[in-house]
N, C-alpha and C. Protein backbone atom coordinates (compact mmCIF):
# COMPACT_ATOMS: atom_id res chain seq x y z
N MET A 1 151.14 77.46 111.13
CA MET A 1 152.03 76.61 110.40
C MET A 1 152.86 77.48 109.47
N SER A 2 154.18 77.42 109.57
CA SER A 2 155.02 78.25 108.72
C SER A 2 155.26 77.59 107.37
N PRO A 3 155.45 78.41 106.34
CA PRO A 3 155.63 77.85 105.01
C PRO A 3 157.01 77.21 104.85
N THR A 4 157.09 76.29 103.87
CA THR A 4 158.37 75.68 103.52
C THR A 4 159.10 76.62 102.58
N THR A 5 160.31 76.25 102.17
CA THR A 5 161.08 77.12 101.28
C THR A 5 160.41 77.31 99.93
N ASP A 6 159.55 76.38 99.52
CA ASP A 6 158.87 76.54 98.23
C ASP A 6 157.53 77.25 98.39
N GLY A 7 157.22 77.75 99.60
CA GLY A 7 155.99 78.50 99.82
C GLY A 7 154.82 77.66 100.28
N ALA A 8 154.94 76.33 100.19
CA ALA A 8 153.85 75.46 100.64
C ALA A 8 153.84 75.43 102.16
N PRO A 9 152.66 75.24 102.75
CA PRO A 9 152.63 75.16 104.21
C PRO A 9 153.42 73.96 104.70
N ALA A 10 154.13 74.12 105.81
CA ALA A 10 154.89 73.01 106.39
C ALA A 10 153.92 72.01 107.01
N ALA A 11 154.29 70.74 106.94
CA ALA A 11 153.45 69.70 107.52
C ALA A 11 153.50 69.77 109.04
N ILE A 12 152.39 69.45 109.66
CA ILE A 12 152.35 69.34 111.11
C ILE A 12 152.70 67.89 111.44
N LEU A 13 153.73 67.71 112.25
CA LEU A 13 154.18 66.36 112.59
C LEU A 13 153.64 65.93 113.95
N ARG A 14 153.28 64.68 114.04
CA ARG A 14 152.89 64.10 115.32
C ARG A 14 154.12 63.91 116.18
N ASP A 15 153.92 63.64 117.46
CA ASP A 15 155.03 63.30 118.34
C ASP A 15 155.73 62.05 117.81
N PRO A 16 157.02 61.90 118.11
CA PRO A 16 157.73 60.71 117.66
C PRO A 16 157.10 59.43 118.23
N GLU A 17 157.13 58.39 117.42
CA GLU A 17 156.72 57.06 117.85
C GLU A 17 157.99 56.24 117.97
N VAL A 18 158.18 55.58 119.09
CA VAL A 18 159.39 54.81 119.33
C VAL A 18 159.00 53.36 119.62
N PHE A 19 159.62 52.45 118.89
CA PHE A 19 159.34 51.03 119.06
C PHE A 19 160.63 50.29 119.35
N VAL A 20 160.53 49.24 120.14
CA VAL A 20 161.67 48.42 120.51
C VAL A 20 161.40 47.00 120.01
N TYR A 21 162.38 46.42 119.36
CA TYR A 21 162.25 45.06 118.85
C TYR A 21 163.47 44.25 119.27
N GLU A 22 163.31 42.95 119.27
CA GLU A 22 164.44 42.08 119.56
C GLU A 22 164.67 41.16 118.37
N LEU A 23 165.89 41.22 117.83
CA LEU A 23 166.26 40.33 116.74
C LEU A 23 166.71 38.99 117.30
N ARG A 24 166.60 37.97 116.48
CA ARG A 24 167.27 36.72 116.80
C ARG A 24 168.76 37.00 116.65
N PRO A 25 169.59 36.62 117.62
CA PRO A 25 171.01 36.99 117.57
C PRO A 25 171.73 36.59 116.28
N GLU A 26 171.36 35.47 115.71
CA GLU A 26 172.02 35.02 114.48
C GLU A 26 171.55 35.79 113.24
N CYS A 27 170.60 36.71 113.41
CA CYS A 27 170.03 37.43 112.27
C CYS A 27 170.47 38.89 112.18
N GLU A 28 171.33 39.33 113.06
CA GLU A 28 171.74 40.73 113.10
C GLU A 28 172.36 41.19 111.78
N ASP A 29 173.28 40.40 111.22
CA ASP A 29 173.92 40.79 109.97
C ASP A 29 172.93 40.86 108.82
N ASP A 30 171.99 39.90 108.76
CA ASP A 30 170.97 39.93 107.71
C ASP A 30 170.10 41.18 107.83
N TYR A 31 169.73 41.52 109.05
CA TYR A 31 168.90 42.70 109.28
C TYR A 31 169.61 43.96 108.78
N ASP A 32 170.89 44.09 109.14
CA ASP A 32 171.66 45.25 108.69
C ASP A 32 171.78 45.28 107.18
N ARG A 33 172.06 44.13 106.58
CA ARG A 33 172.22 44.06 105.13
C ARG A 33 170.94 44.48 104.41
N HIS A 34 169.81 43.97 104.86
CA HIS A 34 168.53 44.33 104.23
C HIS A 34 168.25 45.83 104.38
N HIS A 35 168.56 46.39 105.52
CA HIS A 35 168.26 47.80 105.74
C HIS A 35 169.28 48.74 105.10
N ALA A 36 170.36 48.20 104.59
CA ALA A 36 171.31 49.02 103.82
C ALA A 36 170.78 49.26 102.41
N ALA A 37 169.75 48.51 102.01
CA ALA A 37 169.18 48.64 100.66
C ALA A 37 167.68 48.35 100.72
N VAL A 38 166.94 49.20 101.41
CA VAL A 38 165.49 49.02 101.53
C VAL A 38 164.85 49.21 100.15
N TRP A 39 163.91 48.35 99.83
CA TRP A 39 163.28 48.38 98.51
C TRP A 39 162.52 49.69 98.30
N PRO A 40 162.54 50.22 97.08
CA PRO A 40 161.85 51.49 96.78
C PRO A 40 160.35 51.46 97.12
N GLU A 41 159.70 50.32 96.93
CA GLU A 41 158.27 50.23 97.23
C GLU A 41 158.02 50.39 98.73
N VAL A 42 158.93 49.91 99.54
CA VAL A 42 158.79 50.03 100.99
C VAL A 42 158.97 51.49 101.40
N ILE A 43 159.97 52.15 100.83
CA ILE A 43 160.19 53.58 101.10
C ILE A 43 158.96 54.38 100.68
N ALA A 44 158.42 54.07 99.50
CA ALA A 44 157.24 54.79 99.00
C ALA A 44 156.04 54.57 99.92
N GLU A 45 155.88 53.35 100.44
CA GLU A 45 154.77 53.06 101.34
C GLU A 45 154.92 53.82 102.64
N LEU A 46 156.14 53.87 103.17
CA LEU A 46 156.38 54.62 104.41
C LEU A 46 156.08 56.10 104.21
N ARG A 47 156.63 56.66 103.15
CA ARG A 47 156.38 58.09 102.88
C ARG A 47 154.91 58.35 102.58
N GLY A 48 154.29 57.45 101.84
CA GLY A 48 152.88 57.60 101.51
C GLY A 48 151.97 57.56 102.72
N SER A 49 152.43 56.89 103.78
CA SER A 49 151.63 56.83 105.00
C SER A 49 151.87 58.04 105.90
N GLY A 50 152.67 59.01 105.39
CA GLY A 50 152.89 60.24 106.14
C GLY A 50 154.15 60.25 106.97
N ILE A 51 154.94 59.17 106.92
CA ILE A 51 156.18 59.12 107.69
C ILE A 51 157.21 59.99 107.00
N THR A 52 157.70 60.99 107.71
CA THR A 52 158.69 61.91 107.13
C THR A 52 160.06 61.75 107.77
N GLU A 53 160.09 61.20 108.96
CA GLU A 53 161.35 60.95 109.65
C GLU A 53 161.29 59.53 110.19
N TYR A 54 162.32 58.73 109.90
CA TYR A 54 162.34 57.35 110.37
C TYR A 54 163.78 56.91 110.49
N THR A 55 164.20 56.60 111.69
CA THR A 55 165.55 56.08 111.90
C THR A 55 165.45 54.77 112.67
N ILE A 56 166.40 53.89 112.39
CA ILE A 56 166.49 52.62 113.09
C ILE A 56 167.88 52.54 113.70
N HIS A 57 167.92 52.15 114.96
CA HIS A 57 169.19 52.02 115.69
C HIS A 57 169.27 50.60 116.21
N ARG A 58 170.49 50.05 116.25
CA ARG A 58 170.65 48.69 116.74
C ARG A 58 171.86 48.59 117.65
N ARG A 59 171.70 47.87 118.74
CA ARG A 59 172.82 47.50 119.61
C ARG A 59 172.64 46.01 119.89
N GLY A 60 173.50 45.21 119.29
CA GLY A 60 173.34 43.77 119.40
C GLY A 60 172.00 43.37 118.81
N SER A 61 171.21 42.63 119.57
CA SER A 61 169.92 42.18 119.06
C SER A 61 168.78 43.16 119.36
N LEU A 62 169.08 44.26 120.05
CA LEU A 62 168.07 45.26 120.38
C LEU A 62 167.95 46.26 119.23
N VAL A 63 166.74 46.42 118.70
CA VAL A 63 166.47 47.36 117.61
C VAL A 63 165.50 48.41 118.14
N ILE A 64 165.84 49.68 117.91
CA ILE A 64 164.97 50.79 118.31
C ILE A 64 164.65 51.59 117.06
N SER A 65 163.38 51.73 116.76
CA SER A 65 162.99 52.55 115.61
C SER A 65 162.24 53.77 116.11
N VAL A 66 162.56 54.91 115.51
CA VAL A 66 161.96 56.19 115.88
C VAL A 66 161.39 56.79 114.61
N LEU A 67 160.11 57.10 114.63
CA LEU A 67 159.51 57.70 113.44
C LEU A 67 158.57 58.83 113.82
N ARG A 68 158.44 59.73 112.87
CA ARG A 68 157.46 60.82 112.99
C ARG A 68 156.66 60.83 111.71
N ARG A 69 155.38 61.08 111.86
CA ARG A 69 154.52 61.15 110.68
C ARG A 69 153.71 62.43 110.70
N GLU A 70 153.31 62.83 109.51
CA GLU A 70 152.47 64.02 109.36
C GLU A 70 151.08 63.73 109.92
N GLU A 71 150.45 64.79 110.40
CA GLU A 71 149.02 64.69 110.73
C GLU A 71 148.28 64.67 109.40
N ARG A 72 147.61 63.60 109.14
CA ARG A 72 146.78 63.52 107.93
C ARG A 72 145.67 62.53 108.18
N THR A 73 144.65 62.63 107.39
CA THR A 73 143.49 61.80 107.65
C THR A 73 143.57 60.45 106.94
N GLN A 74 144.16 60.39 105.76
CA GLN A 74 144.13 59.15 105.01
C GLN A 74 145.39 59.02 104.16
N ALA A 75 145.98 57.84 104.18
CA ALA A 75 147.15 57.58 103.34
C ALA A 75 146.69 57.17 101.94
N PRO A 76 147.44 57.55 100.91
CA PRO A 76 147.07 57.14 99.56
C PRO A 76 147.20 55.62 99.40
N GLU A 77 146.42 55.06 98.49
CA GLU A 77 146.46 53.63 98.22
C GLU A 77 147.71 53.27 97.42
N LEU A 78 148.29 52.11 97.73
CA LEU A 78 149.40 51.58 96.95
C LEU A 78 148.85 50.78 95.78
N SER A 79 149.62 50.72 94.70
CA SER A 79 149.24 49.86 93.58
C SER A 79 149.33 48.41 94.05
N PRO A 80 148.62 47.50 93.39
CA PRO A 80 148.71 46.08 93.78
C PRO A 80 150.15 45.56 93.74
N GLU A 81 150.94 45.97 92.75
CA GLU A 81 152.33 45.52 92.66
C GLU A 81 153.16 46.06 93.83
N ALA A 82 152.99 47.33 94.17
CA ALA A 82 153.72 47.90 95.30
C ALA A 82 153.28 47.24 96.60
N ARG A 83 151.99 46.99 96.76
CA ARG A 83 151.48 46.31 97.96
C ARG A 83 152.10 44.92 98.09
N ARG A 84 152.21 44.20 96.95
CA ARG A 84 152.81 42.87 96.95
C ARG A 84 154.26 42.94 97.42
N ARG A 85 155.01 43.93 96.93
CA ARG A 85 156.42 44.08 97.32
C ARG A 85 156.55 44.43 98.81
N VAL A 86 155.69 45.29 99.31
CA VAL A 86 155.72 45.64 100.74
C VAL A 86 155.42 44.39 101.57
N ASP A 87 154.45 43.60 101.15
CA ASP A 87 154.14 42.35 101.86
C ASP A 87 155.33 41.40 101.82
N GLU A 88 156.02 41.32 100.67
CA GLU A 88 157.23 40.49 100.56
C GLU A 88 158.29 40.96 101.55
N TRP A 89 158.45 42.28 101.69
CA TRP A 89 159.43 42.83 102.62
C TRP A 89 159.10 42.40 104.06
N HIS A 90 157.83 42.52 104.42
CA HIS A 90 157.42 42.12 105.77
C HIS A 90 157.68 40.62 105.99
N ASP A 91 157.40 39.82 104.97
CA ASP A 91 157.65 38.38 105.08
C ASP A 91 159.14 38.08 105.20
N LEU A 92 159.98 38.88 104.54
CA LEU A 92 161.43 38.72 104.61
C LEU A 92 161.95 39.09 106.00
N MET A 93 161.37 40.12 106.61
CA MET A 93 161.84 40.59 107.91
C MET A 93 161.34 39.72 109.07
N ALA A 94 160.14 39.18 108.97
CA ALA A 94 159.50 38.48 110.09
C ALA A 94 160.38 37.42 110.76
N PRO A 95 161.06 36.55 110.01
CA PRO A 95 161.85 35.51 110.68
C PRO A 95 163.09 36.04 111.40
N LEU A 96 163.47 37.28 111.16
CA LEU A 96 164.66 37.84 111.79
C LEU A 96 164.40 38.27 113.23
N PHE A 97 163.13 38.41 113.60
CA PHE A 97 162.77 38.94 114.91
C PHE A 97 162.44 37.85 115.92
N ALA A 98 162.90 38.06 117.15
CA ALA A 98 162.51 37.20 118.27
C ALA A 98 161.25 37.76 118.92
N ALA A 99 161.09 39.09 118.92
CA ALA A 99 159.92 39.72 119.55
C ALA A 99 159.59 41.02 118.84
N VAL A 100 158.31 41.18 118.46
CA VAL A 100 157.84 42.44 117.86
C VAL A 100 156.56 42.93 118.51
N GLN A 101 156.00 42.13 119.44
CA GLN A 101 154.79 42.55 120.13
C GLN A 101 154.76 41.94 121.52
N ASP A 102 153.92 42.54 122.36
CA ASP A 102 153.81 42.05 123.74
C ASP A 102 152.81 40.89 123.81
N GLU A 103 152.55 40.43 125.02
CA GLU A 103 151.65 39.29 125.23
C GLU A 103 150.24 39.56 124.71
N ALA A 104 149.84 40.83 124.68
CA ALA A 104 148.50 41.20 124.21
C ALA A 104 148.46 41.40 122.70
N GLY A 105 149.60 41.20 122.02
CA GLY A 105 149.65 41.38 120.58
C GLY A 105 149.88 42.81 120.14
N GLU A 106 150.20 43.69 121.08
CA GLU A 106 150.45 45.09 120.77
C GLU A 106 151.91 45.30 120.39
N PRO A 107 152.19 46.27 119.50
CA PRO A 107 153.59 46.58 119.18
C PRO A 107 154.35 46.97 120.44
N LEU A 108 155.64 46.75 120.42
CA LEU A 108 156.49 47.08 121.58
C LEU A 108 156.81 48.57 121.55
N TYR A 109 155.80 49.37 121.87
CA TYR A 109 155.91 50.82 121.88
C TYR A 109 156.67 51.25 123.12
N ALA A 110 157.63 52.14 122.95
CA ALA A 110 158.39 52.67 124.09
C ALA A 110 157.76 53.99 124.52
N GLU A 111 157.38 54.06 125.76
CA GLU A 111 156.73 55.25 126.32
C GLU A 111 157.78 56.31 126.64
N LYS A 112 157.48 57.56 126.29
CA LYS A 112 158.38 58.67 126.62
C LYS A 112 158.28 58.95 128.11
N ILE A 113 159.45 58.98 128.77
CA ILE A 113 159.46 59.25 130.21
C ILE A 113 160.24 60.52 130.55
N PHE A 114 160.91 61.12 129.57
CA PHE A 114 161.67 62.35 129.82
C PHE A 114 161.73 63.16 128.54
N ASP A 115 161.62 64.48 128.68
CA ASP A 115 161.74 65.41 127.56
C ASP A 115 162.37 66.69 128.09
N ILE A 116 163.59 66.98 127.67
CA ILE A 116 164.28 68.19 128.15
C ILE A 116 163.52 69.45 127.77
N GLY A 117 162.73 69.39 126.69
CA GLY A 117 161.95 70.54 126.27
C GLY A 117 160.89 70.94 127.27
N ALA A 118 160.56 70.07 128.19
CA ALA A 118 159.56 70.38 129.22
C ALA A 118 160.15 71.22 130.35
N TYR A 119 161.46 71.39 130.34
CA TYR A 119 162.14 72.15 131.39
C TYR A 119 162.56 73.51 130.85
N PRO A 120 162.35 74.57 131.63
CA PRO A 120 162.77 75.89 131.15
C PRO A 120 164.29 75.99 131.09
N GLU A 121 164.75 76.76 130.12
CA GLU A 121 166.19 77.01 130.03
C GLU A 121 166.59 77.95 131.16
N THR A 122 167.78 77.74 131.69
CA THR A 122 168.29 78.61 132.75
C THR A 122 169.58 79.25 132.28
N ASP A 123 169.91 80.37 132.89
CA ASP A 123 171.14 81.07 132.51
C ASP A 123 172.35 80.48 133.13
């Protein structure tokens, strides 16, 4: 593991996690508006859980989120107030979605089927 610019060891990141969601078509503008100003408690919870890279992409009602998190054993606990705000955020987002899990109740995880890094470079 190579050090960061401040001399601390760099975090080891897991492979990206990619999820696909479907918004209710009438909720696209609300979804964008909320994500233009994500609450600080939500950002703190994401970072506290080891997420260092997180992007959300949208095309119409299709939402694709890509995140990477550090390898770590345990996330720090949130304060009760921060936990309440994170729960409020989830409650605010829930009605905007048409689908967030499959028939078995699992998240709509997108499986990686191609990686250019698996192919050798050629001249």
